[in-house]
Amino acid sequence: MEAHFIDAFFIGFLAGIIIFGFVTNSQGFLAIIPLFLIYLFLKKPKQHEAMKREFKNEIYNKSGISTV
């Protein structure tokens, strides 16, 4: 659960960097870096959920229990 708070903090921090860049008229290529990092932070929970499902299926398959 703590990882979600850390991810939310970094997303907000990176969004602040983008907003500061637009306010100071320094928009350009450097705004792409925080956007890419925000994308990675948003994509990470989906990857964790997929890995959890795979591990759960593997454990159930080894023990002979159906996942249905």
PDB file of N, CA and C in Angstrom:
ATOM      1  N   MET A   1       0.819  -1.192   0.000  1.00  0.00           N
ATOM      2  CA  MET A   1       0.000   0.000   0.000  1.00  0.00           C
ATOM      3  C   MET A   1       0.864   1.257   0.000  1.00  0.00           C
ATOM      4  N   GLU A   2       2.008   1.192   0.666  1.00  0.00           N
ATOM      5  CA  GLU A   2       2.892   2.343   0.723  1.00  0.00           C
ATOM      6  C   GLU A   2       3.432   2.685  -0.663  1.00  0.00           C
ATOM      7  N   ALA A   3       3.607   1.698  -1.513  1.00  0.00           N
ATOM      8  CA  ALA A   3       4.111   1.939  -2.861  1.00  0.00           C
ATOM      9  C   ALA A   3       3.140   2.808  -3.659  1.00  0.00           C
ATOM     10  N   HIS A   4       1.836   2.653  -3.411  1.00  0.00           N
ATOM     11  CA  HIS A   4       0.853   3.476  -4.117  1.00  0.00           C
ATOM     12  C   HIS A   4       1.006   4.948  -3.740  1.00  0.00           C
ATOM     13  N   PHE A   5       1.276   5.209  -2.469  1.00  0.00           N
ATOM     14  CA  PHE A   5       1.458   6.590  -2.028  1.00  0.00           C
ATOM     15  C   PHE A   5       2.733   7.196  -2.617  1.00  0.00           C
ATOM     16  N   ILE A   6       3.763   6.422  -2.685  1.00  0.00           N
ATOM     17  CA  ILE A   6       5.021   6.901  -3.268  1.00  0.00           C
ATOM     18  C   ILE A   6       4.834   7.186  -4.756  1.00  0.00           C
ATOM     19  N   ASP A   7       4.153   6.275  -5.458  1.00  0.00           N
ATOM     20  CA  ASP A   7       3.876   6.494  -6.882  1.00  0.00           C
ATOM     21  C   ASP A   7       3.033   7.748  -7.088  1.00  0.00           C
ATOM     22  N   ALA A   8       2.009   7.938  -6.239  1.00  0.00           N
ATOM     23  CA  ALA A   8       1.158   9.125  -6.352  1.00  0.00           C
ATOM     24  C   ALA A   8       1.966  10.394  -6.110  1.00  0.00           C
ATOM     25  N   PHE A   9       2.873  10.356  -5.140  1.00  0.00           N
ATOM     26  CA  PHE A   9       3.718  11.519  -4.860  1.00  0.00           C
ATOM     27  C   PHE A   9       4.574  11.862  -6.078  1.00  0.00           C
ATOM     28  N   PHE A  10       5.219  10.849  -6.670  1.00  0.00           N
ATOM     29  CA  PHE A  10       6.084  11.115  -7.822  1.00  0.00           C
ATOM     30  C   PHE A  10       5.293  11.581  -9.036  1.00  0.00           C
ATOM     31  N   ILE A  11       4.084  11.051  -9.233  1.00  0.00           N
ATOM     32  CA  ILE A  11       3.257  11.514 -10.346  1.00  0.00           C
ATOM     33  C   ILE A  11       2.913  12.988 -10.148  1.00  0.00           C
ATOM     34  N   GLY A  12       2.524  13.361  -8.935  1.00  0.00           N
ATOM     35  CA  GLY A  12       2.225  14.763  -8.652  1.00  0.00           C
ATOM     36  C   GLY A  12       3.440  15.655  -8.801  1.00  0.00           C
ATOM     37  N   PHE A  13       4.584  15.171  -8.347  1.00  0.00           N
ATOM     38  CA  PHE A  13       5.824  15.933  -8.466  1.00  0.00           C
ATOM     39  C   PHE A  13       6.183  16.162  -9.931  1.00  0.00           C
ATOM     40  N   LEU A  14       6.069  15.114 -10.745  1.00  0.00           N
ATOM     41  CA  LEU A  14       6.395  15.236 -12.166  1.00  0.00           C
ATOM     42  C   LEU A  14       5.378  16.124 -12.896  1.00  0.00           C
ATOM     43  N   ALA A  15       4.111  16.038 -12.499  1.00  0.00           N
ATOM     44  CA  ALA A  15       3.107  16.932 -13.082  1.00  0.00           C
ATOM     45  C   ALA A  15       3.433  18.377 -12.724  1.00  0.00           C
ATOM     46  N   GLY A  16       3.906  18.612 -11.507  1.00  0.00           N
ATOM     47  CA  GLY A  16       4.325  19.957 -11.110  1.00  0.00           C
ATOM     48  C   GLY A  16       5.488  20.469 -11.940  1.00  0.00           C
ATOM     49  N   ILE A  17       6.412  19.593 -12.276  1.00  0.00           N
ATOM     50  CA  ILE A  17       7.537  19.985 -13.135  1.00  0.00           C
ATOM     51  C   ILE A  17       7.031  20.408 -14.507  1.00  0.00           C
ATOM     52  N   ILE A  18       6.072  19.660 -15.047  1.00  0.00           N
ATOM     53  CA  ILE A  18       5.517  19.999 -16.365  1.00  0.00           C
ATOM     54  C   ILE A  18       4.801  21.347 -16.299  1.00  0.00           C
ATOM     55  N   ILE A  19       3.990  21.555 -15.265  1.00  0.00           N
ATOM     56  CA  ILE A  19       3.260  22.820 -15.127  1.00  0.00           C
ATOM     57  C   ILE A  19       4.235  23.980 -14.957  1.00  0.00           C
ATOM     58  N   PHE A  20       5.264  23.795 -14.144  1.00  0.00           N
ATOM     59  CA  PHE A  20       6.268  24.843 -13.971  1.00  0.00           C
ATOM     60  C   PHE A  20       6.950  25.160 -15.304  1.00  0.00           C
ATOM     61  N   GLY A  21       7.220  24.126 -16.100  1.00  0.00           N
ATOM     62  CA  GLY A  21       7.844  24.345 -17.403  1.00  0.00           C
ATOM     63  C   GLY A  21       6.968  25.168 -18.329  1.00  0.00           C
ATOM     64  N   PHE A  22       5.656  24.923 -18.305  1.00  0.00           N
ATOM     65  CA  PHE A  22       4.755  25.693 -19.159  1.00  0.00           C
ATOM     66  C   PHE A  22       4.606  27.124 -18.664  1.00  0.00           C
ATOM     67  N   VAL A  23       4.601  27.308 -17.362  1.00  0.00           N
ATOM     68  CA  VAL A  23       4.466  28.660 -16.807  1.00  0.00           C
ATOM     69  C   VAL A  23       5.697  29.494 -17.137  1.00  0.00           C
ATOM     70  N   THR A  24       6.871  28.899 -17.095  1.00  0.00           N
ATOM     71  CA  THR A  24       8.099  29.640 -17.378  1.00  0.00           C
ATOM     72  C   THR A  24       8.462  29.628 -18.858  1.00  0.00           C
ATOM     73  N   ASN A  25       7.545  29.157 -19.690  1.00  0.00           N
ATOM     74  CA  ASN A  25       7.734  29.126 -21.151  1.00  0.00           C
ATOM     75  C   ASN A  25       8.958  28.329 -21.572  1.00  0.00           C
ATOM     76  N   SER A  26       9.281  27.304 -20.828  1.00  0.00           N
ATOM     77  CA  SER A  26      10.407  26.452 -21.213  1.00  0.00           C
ATOM     78  C   SER A  26       9.899  25.089 -21.687  1.00  0.00           C
ATOM     79  N   GLN A  27       8.782  25.130 -22.394  1.00  0.00           N
ATOM     80  CA  GLN A  27       8.231  23.895 -22.923  1.00  0.00           C
ATOM     81  C   GLN A  27       9.101  23.386 -24.060  1.00  0.00           C
ATOM     82  N   GLY A  28       9.057  22.141 -24.261  1.00  0.00           N
ATOM     83  CA  GLY A  28       9.875  21.560 -25.309  1.00  0.00           C
ATOM     84  C   GLY A  28      10.150  20.108 -25.032  1.00  0.00           C
ATOM     85  N   PHE A  29      11.305  19.672 -25.463  1.00  0.00           N
ATOM     86  CA  PHE A  29      11.670  18.261 -25.360  1.00  0.00           C
ATOM     87  C   PHE A  29      11.749  17.794 -23.915  1.00  0.00           C
ATOM     88  N   LEU A  30      12.137  18.680 -22.999  1.00  0.00           N
ATOM     89  CA  LEU A  30      12.281  18.271 -21.598  1.00  0.00           C
ATOM     90  C   LEU A  30      10.949  17.945 -20.939  1.00  0.00           C
ATOM     91  N   ALA A  31       9.829  18.419 -21.507  1.00  0.00           N
ATOM     92  CA  ALA A  31       8.519  18.075 -20.958  1.00  0.00           C
ATOM     93  C   ALA A  31       8.154  16.630 -21.271  1.00  0.00           C
ATOM     94  N   ILE A  32       8.796  16.032 -22.245  1.00  0.00           N
ATOM     95  CA  ILE A  32       8.499  14.648 -22.618  1.00  0.00           C
ATOM     96  C   ILE A  32       9.021  13.683 -21.552  1.00  0.00           C
ATOM     97  N   ILE A  33      10.127  13.990 -20.920  1.00  0.00           N
ATOM     98  CA  ILE A  33      10.720  13.093 -19.922  1.00  0.00           C
ATOM     99  C   ILE A  33       9.779  12.881 -18.738  1.00  0.00           C
ATOM    100  N   PRO A  34       9.243  13.940 -18.096  1.00  0.00           N
ATOM    101  CA  PRO A  34       8.291  13.690 -17.007  1.00  0.00           C
ATOM    102  C   PRO A  34       7.024  12.980 -17.477  1.00  0.00           C
ATOM    103  N   LEU A  35       6.554  13.281 -18.693  1.00  0.00           N
ATOM    104  CA  LEU A  35       5.373  12.598 -19.213  1.00  0.00           C
ATOM    105  C   LEU A  35       5.628  11.105 -19.357  1.00  0.00           C
ATOM    106  N   PHE A  36       6.803  10.746 -19.840  1.00  0.00           N
ATOM    107  CA  PHE A  36       7.151   9.332 -19.976  1.00  0.00           C
ATOM    108  C   PHE A  36       7.235   8.652 -18.608  1.00  0.00           C
ATOM    109  N   LEU A  37       7.821   9.341 -17.634  1.00  0.00           N
ATOM    110  CA  LEU A  37       7.919   8.769 -16.288  1.00  0.00           C
ATOM    111  C   LEU A  37       6.544   8.600 -15.651  1.00  0.00           C
ATOM    112  N   ILE A  38       5.637   9.564 -15.884  1.00  0.00           N
ATOM    113  CA  ILE A  38       4.267   9.422 -15.380  1.00  0.00           C
ATOM    114  C   ILE A  38       3.607   8.210 -16.013  1.00  0.00           C
ATOM    115  N   TYR A  39       3.817   8.016 -17.311  1.00  0.00           N
ATOM    116  CA  TYR A  39       3.266   6.844 -17.997  1.00  0.00           C
ATOM    117  C   TYR A  39       3.776   5.553 -17.357  1.00  0.00           C
ATOM    118  N   LEU A  40       5.055   5.505 -17.032  1.00  0.00           N
ATOM    119  CA  LEU A  40       5.602   4.302 -16.405  1.00  0.00           C
ATOM    120  C   LEU A  40       4.991   4.058 -15.028  1.00  0.00           C
ATOM    121  N   PHE A  41       4.795   5.133 -14.249  1.00  0.00           N
ATOM    122  CA  PHE A  41       4.192   4.974 -12.923  1.00  0.00           C
ATOM    123  C   PHE A  41       2.750   4.497 -13.032  1.00  0.00           C
ATOM    124  N   LEU A  42       2.023   4.965 -14.053  1.00  0.00           N
ATOM    125  CA  LEU A  42       0.636   4.545 -14.214  1.00  0.00           C
ATOM    126  C   LEU A  42       0.532   3.123 -14.743  1.00  0.00           C
ATOM    127  N   LYS A  43       1.516   2.700 -15.491  1.00  0.00           N
ATOM    128  CA  LYS A  43       1.490   1.361 -16.085  1.00  0.00           C
ATOM    129  C   LYS A  43       1.903   0.289 -15.079  1.00  0.00           C
ATOM    130  N   LYS A  44       2.696   0.650 -14.092  1.00  0.00           N
ATOM    131  CA  LYS A  44       3.252  -0.320 -13.149  1.00  0.00           C
ATOM    132  C   LYS A  44       2.196  -1.116 -12.384  1.00  0.00           C
ATOM    133  N   PRO A  45       1.116  -0.525 -11.860  1.00  0.00           N
ATOM    134  CA  PRO A  45       0.125  -1.337 -11.145  1.00  0.00           C
ATOM    135  C   PRO A  45      -0.524  -2.401 -12.025  1.00  0.00           C
ATOM    136  N   LYS A  46      -0.718  -2.112 -13.295  1.00  0.00           N
ATOM    137  CA  LYS A  46      -1.309  -3.100 -14.200  1.00  0.00           C
ATOM    138  C   LYS A  46      -0.369  -4.284 -14.378  1.00  0.00           C
ATOM    139  N   GLN A  47       0.921  -4.023 -14.431  1.00  0.00           N
ATOM    140  CA  GLN A  47       1.887  -5.102 -14.560  1.00  0.00           C
ATOM    141  C   GLN A  47       1.894  -5.959 -13.297  1.00  0.00           C
ATOM    142  N   HIS A  48       1.777  -5.313 -12.128  1.00  0.00           N
ATOM    143  CA  HIS A  48       1.771  -6.057 -10.873  1.00  0.00           C
ATOM    144  C   HIS A  48       0.539  -6.951 -10.776  1.00  0.00           C
ATOM    145  N   GLU A  49      -0.606  -6.446 -11.221  1.00  0.00           N
ATOM    146  CA  GLU A  49      -1.823  -7.248 -11.181  1.00  0.00           C
ATOM    147  C   GLU A  49      -1.708  -8.457 -12.095  1.00  0.00           C
ATOM    148  N   ALA A  50      -1.131  -8.270 -13.275  1.00  0.00           N
ATOM    149  CA  ALA A  50      -0.951  -9.388 -14.201  1.00  0.00           C
ATOM    150  C   ALA A  50      -0.001 -10.429 -13.608  1.00  0.00           C
ATOM    151  N   MET A  51       1.064  -9.970 -12.952  1.00  0.00           N
ATOM    152  CA  MET A  51       2.005 -10.907 -12.335  1.00  0.00           C
ATOM    153  C   MET A  51       1.344 -11.655 -11.182  1.00  0.00           C
ATOM    154  N   LYS A  52       0.522 -10.966 -10.382  1.00  0.00           N
ATOM    155  CA  LYS A  52      -0.174 -11.624  -9.287  1.00  0.00           C
ATOM    156  C   LYS A  52      -1.089 -12.723  -9.815  1.00  0.00           C
ATOM    157  N   ARG A  53      -1.822 -12.423 -10.908  1.00  0.00           N
ATOM    158  CA  ARG A  53      -2.710 -13.433 -11.487  1.00  0.00           C
ATOM    159  C   ARG A  53      -1.928 -14.638 -11.978  1.00  0.00           C
ATOM    160  N   GLU A  54      -0.786 -14.389 -12.624  1.00  0.00           N
ATOM    161  CA  GLU A  54       0.035 -15.488 -13.125  1.00  0.00           C
ATOM    162  C   GLU A  54       0.566 -16.352 -11.984  1.00  0.00           C
ATOM    163  N   PHE A  55       1.044 -15.719 -10.928  1.00  0.00           N
ATOM    164  CA  PHE A  55       1.549 -16.479  -9.783  1.00  0.00           C
ATOM    165  C   PHE A  55       0.432 -17.286  -9.125  1.00  0.00           C
ATOM    166  N   LYS A  56      -0.731 -16.651  -8.988  1.00  0.00           N
ATOM    167  CA  LYS A  56      -1.858 -17.342  -8.372  1.00  0.00           C
ATOM    168  C   LYS A  56      -2.268 -18.546  -9.221  1.00  0.00           C
ATOM    169  N   ASN A  57      -2.337 -18.374 -10.543  1.00  0.00           N
ATOM    170  CA  ASN A  57      -2.686 -19.488 -11.421  1.00  0.00           C
ATOM    171  C   ASN A  57      -1.658 -20.604 -11.337  1.00  0.00           C
ATOM    172  N   GLU A  58      -0.401 -20.236 -11.278  1.00  0.00           N
ATOM    173  CA  GLU A  58       0.660 -21.258 -11.197  1.00  0.00           C
ATOM    174  C   GLU A  58       0.575 -22.035  -9.885  1.00  0.00           C
ATOM    175  N   ILE A  59       0.316 -21.328  -8.790  1.00  0.00           N
ATOM    176  CA  ILE A  59       0.201 -22.012  -7.492  1.00  0.00           C
ATOM    177  C   ILE A  59      -1.000 -22.959  -7.499  1.00  0.00           C
ATOM    178  N   TYR A  60      -2.115 -22.468  -8.046  1.00  0.00           N
ATOM    179  CA  TYR A  60      -3.313 -23.319  -8.088  1.00  0.00           C
ATOM    180  C   TYR A  60      -3.102 -24.517  -9.008  1.00  0.00           C
ATOM    181  N   ASN A  61      -2.420 -24.318 -10.125  1.00  0.00           N
ATOM    182  CA  ASN A  61      -2.192 -25.419 -11.056  1.00  0.00           C
ATOM    183  C   ASN A  61      -1.286 -26.485 -10.438  1.00  0.00           C
ATOM    184  N   LYS A  62      -0.308 -26.084  -9.647  1.00  0.00           N
ATOM    185  CA  LYS A  62       0.574 -27.047  -9.014  1.00  0.00           C
ATOM    186  C   LYS A  62      -0.132 -27.835  -7.908  1.00  0.00           C
ATOM    187  N   SER A  63      -1.092 -27.176  -7.237  1.00  0.00           N
ATOM    188  CA  SER A  63      -1.776 -27.873  -6.161  1.00  0.00           C
ATOM    189  C   SER A  63      -3.011 -28.628  -6.641  1.00  0.00           C
ATOM    190  N   GLY A  64      -3.388 -28.450  -7.896  1.00  0.00           N
ATOM    191  CA  GLY A  64      -4.530 -29.173  -8.463  1.00  0.00           C
ATOM    192  C   GLY A  64      -5.862 -28.521  -8.177  1.00  0.00           C
ATOM    193  N   ILE A  65      -5.869 -27.268  -7.713  1.00  0.00           N
ATOM    194  CA  ILE A  65      -7.110 -26.569  -7.401  1.00  0.00           C
ATOM    195  C   ILE A  65      -7.496 -25.746  -8.632  1.00  0.00           C
ATOM    196  N   SER A  66      -8.773 -25.755  -8.962  1.00  0.00           N
ATOM    197  CA  SER A  66      -9.265 -25.002 -10.110  1.00  0.00           C
ATOM    198  C   SER A  66      -9.411 -23.532  -9.737  1.00  0.00           C
ATOM    199  N   THR A  67      -9.127 -22.608 -10.683  1.00  0.00           N
ATOM    200  CA  THR A  67      -9.235 -21.176 -10.431  1.00  0.00           C
ATOM    201  C   THR A  67     -10.588 -20.633 -10.847  1.00  0.00           C
ATOM    202  N   VAL A  68     -11.506 -21.453 -11.284  1.00  0.00           N
ATOM    203  CA  VAL A  68     -12.826 -21.017 -11.742  1.00  0.00           C
ATOM    204  C   VAL A  68     -13.722 -20.699 -10.638  1.00  0.00           C
TER     205      VAL A  68
END
